[in-house]
Amino acid sequence: MEQIDVSGISCPLNYAKIKVKLSQIYPGKQLQALIDNEKALDSISTSLTLDSHKLISISPKRDGKYLIIVEK
């Protein structure tokens, strides 16, 4: 599974980086994205859905970050 860490990167650049990474993987494959901006969760999840990706899960981590798993 591919991974990207966009911690410390604000909107909309964090989503842009996730989108670029998704463009580099095959349809049906999954990407793990690590973010540290709770406010960005809604906009990122909405954007992923609007771009026809499947949001698998959003999980809080112990360090205050969130793990998003998305399928291209």
Protein backbone atom coordinates (compact mmCIF):
# COMPACT_ATOMS: atom_id res chain seq x y z
CA MET A 1 0.00 0.00 0.00
CA GLU A 2 1.31 3.44 -0.92
CA GLN A 3 1.77 6.05 1.80
CA ILE A 4 2.09 9.82 2.04
CA ASP A 5 2.62 12.08 5.04
CA VAL A 6 1.21 15.58 4.59
CA SER A 7 1.60 16.60 8.24
CA GLY A 8 2.50 20.25 8.61
CA ILE A 9 1.08 21.12 5.19
CA SER A 10 -2.02 23.29 5.13
CA CYS A 11 -5.04 23.27 2.83
CA PRO A 12 -5.31 23.11 -0.09
CA LEU A 13 -1.72 21.99 -0.65
CA ASN A 14 -2.15 18.89 1.53
CA TYR A 15 -4.95 17.64 -0.73
CA ALA A 16 -2.99 18.56 -3.86
CA LYS A 17 -0.13 16.34 -2.68
CA ILE A 18 -2.54 13.49 -1.93
CA LYS A 19 -4.09 13.91 -5.39
CA VAL A 20 -0.69 13.75 -7.08
CA LYS A 21 0.20 10.59 -5.16
CA LEU A 22 -3.13 9.02 -6.16
CA SER A 23 -2.38 9.78 -9.80
CA GLN A 24 0.74 7.62 -9.49
CA ILE A 25 -1.05 4.44 -8.40
CA TYR A 26 -3.26 1.99 -10.28
CA PRO A 27 -7.07 1.99 -9.98
CA GLY A 28 -8.20 -0.31 -7.19
CA LYS A 29 -5.04 0.27 -5.14
CA GLN A 30 -5.12 2.00 -1.76
CA LEU A 31 -3.25 4.97 -0.35
CA GLN A 32 -2.58 5.76 3.31
CA ALA A 33 -2.41 9.51 3.94
CA LEU A 34 -1.27 10.88 7.29
CA ILE A 35 -2.48 14.38 8.20
CA ASP A 36 -2.28 16.51 11.33
CA ASN A 37 -4.95 19.08 10.51
CA GLU A 38 -8.31 18.06 11.97
CA LYS A 39 -10.06 20.93 10.19
CA ALA A 40 -8.88 19.55 6.83
CA LEU A 41 -10.57 16.17 7.33
CA ASP A 42 -13.94 17.33 5.96
CA SER A 43 -12.53 19.10 2.92
CA ILE A 44 -10.13 16.27 2.08
CA SER A 45 -12.79 13.56 2.44
CA THR A 46 -15.25 15.59 0.34
CA SER A 47 -12.65 16.25 -2.34
CA LEU A 48 -11.67 12.58 -2.50
CA THR A 49 -15.31 11.61 -3.01
CA LEU A 50 -15.88 14.31 -5.62
CA ASP A 51 -12.80 13.08 -7.49
CA SER A 52 -14.37 9.58 -7.63
CA HIS A 53 -12.08 7.96 -5.07
CA LYS A 54 -13.44 5.63 -2.38
CA LEU A 55 -12.84 6.75 1.20
CA ILE A 56 -12.15 3.56 3.16
CA SER A 57 -11.52 4.99 6.63
CA ILE A 58 -10.37 7.91 8.76
CA SER A 59 -8.70 6.93 12.02
CA PRO A 60 -7.27 9.15 14.77
CA LYS A 61 -3.74 8.30 15.84
CA ARG A 62 -2.30 8.68 19.35
CA ASP A 63 0.02 11.50 18.27
CA GLY A 64 -2.84 13.80 17.22
CA LYS A 65 -2.60 12.86 13.56
CA TYR A 66 -5.19 11.14 11.39
CA LEU A 67 -4.76 8.24 9.01
CA ILE A 68 -6.92 8.36 5.90
CA ILE A 69 -7.16 5.26 3.73
CA VAL A 70 -8.50 5.85 0.23
CA GLU A 71 -8.90 3.62 -2.80
CA LYS A 72 -8.26 5.00 -6.25
